[in-house]
Amino acid sequence: MDLQLKGRTALVTGASTGIGRAIAATLAGEGVRMAVVARRRELLETLSREVAAAGGSAPAIIVADVMEPDSASRICDAALAALGSVEILVNCAGASTPLPVDAPDEKWDHAMTLNFTRVRQLTHALLPQMQARGFGRVINITGKSEPDRLNASFAAKAGIHAWSKGLSKEIGKHGITVNCVAPGRIMSEQIRRLYPEAERQALSDTEIAVGRYGEPEDVALMVTLLASPRAAYFTGIVVPVDGGLRRYQF
């Protein structure tokens, strides 16, 4: 199927490793021109070279720390300067933040800023030019809806789900969709650091229907579908990509 993505423009945050990197590479393979954002320039440069070697358009590189107070406006300006427009926004930057019950406010503030506030700010900064064009795709990489412990990022991602649903109601008539993709256990730098191999295998054997952790490319496939102009009737939804890990009946 032709996803009608060739020549479209995209901004992908958190693109240096893992899911964000796979999303950028997959979109580039569909002919999307893009800007990629992360803190580590050398990893973005490697990605850019690999995309170009595969026949895609080398992404524009934006080195930024989204925790900086003015990062959303700077990323927005840099992306528009490089691409002329941003038709597809993939908000992938974020981090898991487990906290003890007595964690100080600054720990919560940091996690909520990273995982919610900067996503909202960057999206709202780019919306006017999407509205002017009558087309836009906003895709937020979130997480599971079944908290098993206290984790500030869970709270932030729940906020992203609610905000995305509300925003989709406001801007759908402008040709802009807003969706969330909720990864399950996906192999990444963070997963390898937090979960030993034996623990990963035990979970795969007992909890994941397909019997394995996912790969970043599994998430990238769903993001690419939602980014397509053909996906105009999908908005305000949360799509799990988890190999059957979730247990909800509905």
Protein backbone atom coordinates (compact mmCIF):
# COMPACT_ATOMS: atom_id res chain seq x y z
CA MET A 1 0.00 0.00 0.00
CA ASP A 2 1.22 3.48 -0.87
CA LEU A 3 1.05 5.40 2.40
CA GLN A 4 1.36 8.71 0.49
CA LEU A 5 4.22 9.83 2.72
CA LYS A 6 6.82 10.64 0.07
CA GLY A 7 7.80 14.29 0.29
CA ARG A 8 6.04 14.88 3.61
CA THR A 9 7.92 16.54 6.46
CA ALA A 10 8.37 15.30 10.02
CA LEU A 11 9.98 16.19 13.32
CA VAL A 12 10.97 13.29 15.58
CA THR A 13 12.16 13.92 19.13
CA GLY A 14 14.19 11.41 21.12
CA ALA A 15 15.57 10.12 17.82
CA SER A 16 19.08 9.12 18.85
CA THR A 17 18.34 5.58 20.06
CA GLY A 18 15.67 2.93 20.43
CA ILE A 19 12.10 3.63 19.40
CA GLY A 20 12.71 7.20 18.25
CA ARG A 21 15.60 6.14 16.04
CA ALA A 22 13.56 3.33 14.47
CA ILE A 23 10.68 5.73 13.81
CA ALA A 24 12.98 8.21 12.07
CA ALA A 25 14.57 5.49 9.93
CA THR A 26 11.21 3.99 8.96
CA LEU A 27 9.69 7.33 8.01
CA ALA A 28 12.79 8.15 5.97
CA GLY A 29 12.35 4.85 4.15
CA GLU A 30 8.90 6.04 3.10
CA GLY A 31 10.37 9.20 1.59
CA VAL A 32 9.70 11.58 4.47
CA ARG A 33 12.02 14.57 4.92
CA MET A 34 12.67 15.19 8.56
CA ALA A 35 14.43 16.85 11.41
CA VAL A 36 15.59 14.72 14.33
CA VAL A 37 16.12 15.89 17.90
CA ALA A 38 18.21 14.53 20.77
CA ARG A 39 20.99 15.57 23.12
CA ARG A 40 23.76 13.43 21.59
CA ARG A 41 24.94 14.84 18.28
CA GLU A 42 27.17 11.90 17.40
CA LEU A 43 24.24 9.47 17.48
CA LEU A 44 22.09 11.75 15.32
CA GLU A 45 24.96 12.11 12.84
CA THR A 46 25.25 8.32 12.61
CA LEU A 47 21.51 8.06 11.99
CA SER A 48 21.70 10.75 9.31
CA ARG A 49 24.51 8.94 7.50
CA GLU A 50 22.64 5.64 7.63
CA VAL A 51 19.47 7.19 6.25
CA ALA A 52 21.39 8.79 3.40
CA ALA A 53 23.22 5.53 2.64
CA ALA A 54 19.85 3.77 2.40
CA GLY A 55 18.70 6.25 -0.22
CA GLY A 56 16.69 8.58 1.99
CA SER A 57 16.99 12.30 2.55
CA ALA A 58 19.53 12.90 5.34
CA PRO A 59 17.66 14.34 8.34
CA ALA A 60 18.36 17.80 9.67
CA ILE A 61 20.01 17.49 13.07
CA ILE A 62 18.77 19.49 16.04
CA VAL A 63 20.79 19.04 19.22
CA ALA A 64 18.68 20.08 22.18
CA ASP A 65 17.94 19.20 25.77
CA VAL A 66 14.16 19.32 26.14
CA MET A 67 14.53 20.16 29.82
CA GLU A 68 15.83 23.62 28.96
CA PRO A 69 13.09 26.19 29.56
CA ASP A 70 12.92 27.53 25.99
CA SER A 71 13.57 24.21 24.26
CA ALA A 72 10.13 23.85 22.66
CA SER A 73 10.28 27.18 20.85
CA ARG A 74 13.90 26.64 19.78
CA ILE A 75 13.17 23.16 18.41
CA CYS A 76 10.10 24.46 16.61
CA ASP A 77 12.02 27.32 15.00
CA ALA A 78 14.94 25.09 13.99
CA ALA A 79 12.66 22.47 12.43
CA LEU A 80 10.69 25.02 10.44
CA ALA A 81 13.90 26.67 9.27
CA ALA A 82 15.25 23.32 8.07
CA LEU A 83 12.08 21.89 6.52
CA GLY A 84 9.81 24.83 5.72
CA SER A 85 6.93 23.06 7.46
CA VAL A 86 6.33 20.22 9.90
CA GLU A 87 3.41 18.05 8.84
CA ILE A 88 4.14 15.11 11.15
CA LEU A 89 5.26 15.48 14.76
CA VAL A 90 6.41 12.42 16.70
CA ASN A 91 6.91 13.15 20.40
CA CYS A 92 9.20 10.36 21.55
CA ALA A 93 11.54 12.05 24.04
CA GLY A 94 10.94 10.90 27.60
CA ALA A 95 12.15 8.64 30.38
CA SER A 96 10.79 6.27 32.98
CA THR A 97 10.98 7.82 36.45
CA PRO A 98 10.23 5.42 39.32
CA LEU A 99 10.07 7.33 42.60
CA PRO A 100 9.72 6.50 46.29
CA VAL A 101 6.62 7.69 48.11
CA ASP A 102 8.60 10.43 49.85
CA ALA A 103 10.27 11.79 46.69
CA PRO A 104 10.69 15.58 46.77
CA ASP A 105 8.67 17.87 44.53
CA GLU A 106 11.62 18.62 42.26
CA LYS A 107 11.78 14.97 41.17
CA TRP A 108 8.10 15.04 40.25
CA ASP A 109 8.45 18.40 38.54
CA HIS A 110 11.34 17.12 36.41
CA ALA A 111 9.44 14.03 35.30
CA MET A 112 6.24 15.93 34.51
CA THR A 113 8.16 18.57 32.56
CA LEU A 114 10.02 16.00 30.49
CA ASN A 115 7.14 13.63 29.82
CA PHE A 116 4.17 16.02 29.60
CA THR A 117 4.87 19.75 29.57
CA ARG A 118 7.50 19.79 26.81
CA VAL A 119 5.35 17.51 24.64
CA ARG A 120 2.42 19.89 25.02
CA GLN A 121 4.51 22.98 24.41
CA LEU A 122 6.18 21.68 21.25
CA THR A 123 2.90 20.42 19.83
CA HIS A 124 1.09 23.70 20.43
CA ALA A 125 4.01 25.62 18.94
CA LEU A 126 3.67 23.66 15.68
CA LEU A 127 -0.12 23.57 15.46
CA PRO A 128 -0.67 26.96 13.78
CA GLN A 129 1.29 26.04 10.67
CA MET A 130 -0.47 22.65 10.53
CA GLN A 131 -3.83 24.41 10.75
CA ALA A 132 -2.82 26.81 8.00
CA ARG A 133 -1.99 23.86 5.73
CA GLY A 134 -5.09 21.89 6.65
CA PHE A 135 -3.05 18.81 7.48
CA GLY A 136 -1.15 17.44 10.45
CA ARG A 137 -0.29 14.29 12.31
CA VAL A 138 0.68 14.36 16.00
CA ILE A 139 1.81 11.03 17.41
CA ASN A 140 2.81 10.72 21.05
CA ILE A 141 4.82 7.75 22.31
CA THR A 142 3.41 7.03 25.76
CA GLY A 143 3.25 3.85 27.83
CA LYS A 144 1.15 1.30 29.61
CA SER A 145 -2.05 2.11 31.49
CA GLU A 146 -1.55 -0.52 34.21
CA PRO A 147 0.76 0.98 36.88
CA ASP A 148 2.53 -1.66 38.94
CA ARG A 149 4.43 0.80 41.13
CA LEU A 150 4.83 4.52 41.74
CA ASN A 151 6.40 6.07 38.66
CA ALA A 152 6.14 9.74 37.79
CA SER A 153 6.26 9.03 34.07
CA PHE A 154 3.10 6.90 34.39
CA ALA A 155 1.28 9.95 35.73
CA ALA A 156 2.68 12.14 32.97
CA LYS A 157 1.76 9.67 30.24
CA ALA A 158 -1.79 9.41 31.61
CA GLY A 159 -1.90 13.17 31.24
CA ILE A 160 -0.71 12.86 27.64
CA HIS A 161 -3.54 10.42 26.91
CA ALA A 162 -6.16 12.80 28.31
CA TRP A 163 -4.64 15.89 26.67
CA SER A 164 -4.36 14.12 23.30
CA LYS A 165 -8.01 13.08 23.40
CA GLY A 166 -9.12 16.61 24.22
CA LEU A 167 -6.87 18.19 21.61
CA SER A 168 -8.12 15.80 18.94
CA LYS A 169 -11.65 17.14 19.49
CA GLU A 170 -10.52 20.71 18.97
CA ILE A 171 -8.48 20.35 15.78
CA GLY A 172 -9.91 17.37 13.91
CA LYS A 173 -11.82 19.59 11.49
CA HIS A 174 -8.53 21.17 10.46
CA GLY A 175 -7.30 17.87 9.06
CA ILE A 176 -5.06 17.22 12.06
CA THR A 177 -5.10 13.95 13.99
CA VAL A 178 -3.67 13.36 17.46
CA ASN A 179 -2.94 9.82 18.58
CA CYS A 180 -0.87 7.95 21.14
CA VAL A 181 1.13 4.79 20.65
CA ALA A 182 1.70 2.88 23.88
CA PRO A 183 4.66 0.49 23.68
CA GLY A 184 4.83 -2.58 25.83
CA ARG A 185 8.15 -4.26 26.48
CA ILE A 186 10.32 -3.04 23.60
CA MET A 187 14.02 -3.78 23.40
CA SER A 188 15.93 -0.56 23.96
CA GLU A 189 18.89 0.94 25.75
CA GLN A 190 16.65 1.67 28.73
CA ILE A 191 15.11 -1.82 28.87
CA ARG A 192 18.53 -3.48 28.74
CA ARG A 193 19.69 -1.24 31.57
CA LEU A 194 16.67 -1.75 33.83
CA TYR A 195 15.78 -5.41 33.25
CA PRO A 196 18.31 -8.29 33.23
CA GLU A 197 18.02 -10.88 30.47
CA ALA A 198 16.68 -13.59 32.79
CA GLU A 199 13.92 -11.27 34.00
CA ARG A 200 13.03 -10.32 30.42
CA GLN A 201 12.77 -13.98 29.41
CA ALA A 202 10.61 -14.88 32.39
CA LEU A 203 8.16 -12.10 31.54
CA SER A 204 8.13 -13.11 27.88
CA ASP A 205 7.33 -16.71 28.80
CA THR A 206 4.48 -15.90 31.17
CA GLU A 207 2.98 -12.52 30.24
CA ILE A 208 3.54 -11.66 26.58
CA ALA A 209 1.19 -13.49 24.21
CA VAL A 210 3.67 -13.66 21.33
CA GLY A 211 6.44 -14.86 23.65
CA ARG A 212 9.04 -12.15 23.15
CA TYR A 213 9.89 -8.53 23.75
CA GLY A 214 9.15 -6.26 20.81
CA GLU A 215 11.63 -4.44 18.65
CA PRO A 216 11.67 -0.68 18.07
CA GLU A 217 10.65 -1.34 14.46
CA ASP A 218 7.36 -2.84 15.69
CA VAL A 219 6.43 0.53 17.20
CA ALA A 220 7.78 2.39 14.17
CA LEU A 221 5.41 0.47 11.90
CA MET A 222 2.34 1.66 13.82
CA VAL A 223 3.65 5.25 13.96
CA THR A 224 4.22 5.23 10.20
CA LEU A 225 0.67 4.05 9.56
CA LEU A 226 -0.76 6.79 11.80
CA ALA A 227 1.46 9.38 10.10
CA SER A 228 0.00 8.56 6.70
CA PRO A 229 -2.54 10.82 5.00
CA ARG A 230 -4.58 7.62 4.62
CA ALA A 231 -5.02 7.47 8.41
CA ALA A 232 -7.36 10.46 8.48
CA TYR A 233 -10.11 8.64 10.40
CA PHE A 234 -7.91 7.60 13.32
CA THR A 235 -7.73 10.26 16.01
CA GLY A 236 -7.95 10.53 19.78
CA ILE A 237 -6.93 6.91 20.26
CA VAL A 238 -4.30 5.04 22.25
CA VAL A 239 -2.84 2.10 20.30
CA PRO A 240 -0.99 -0.53 22.34
CA VAL A 241 1.99 -2.18 20.64
CA ASP A 242 2.78 -4.83 23.21
CA GLY A 243 2.56 -8.34 21.77
CA GLY A 244 -0.57 -9.04 23.84
CA LEU A 245 0.89 -7.99 27.20
CA ARG A 246 -2.11 -5.95 28.32
CA ARG A 247 -4.96 -7.76 30.03
CA TYR A 248 -7.84 -5.36 29.60
CA GLN A 249 -11.02 -6.95 28.25
CA PHE A 250 -11.86 -3.76 26.33
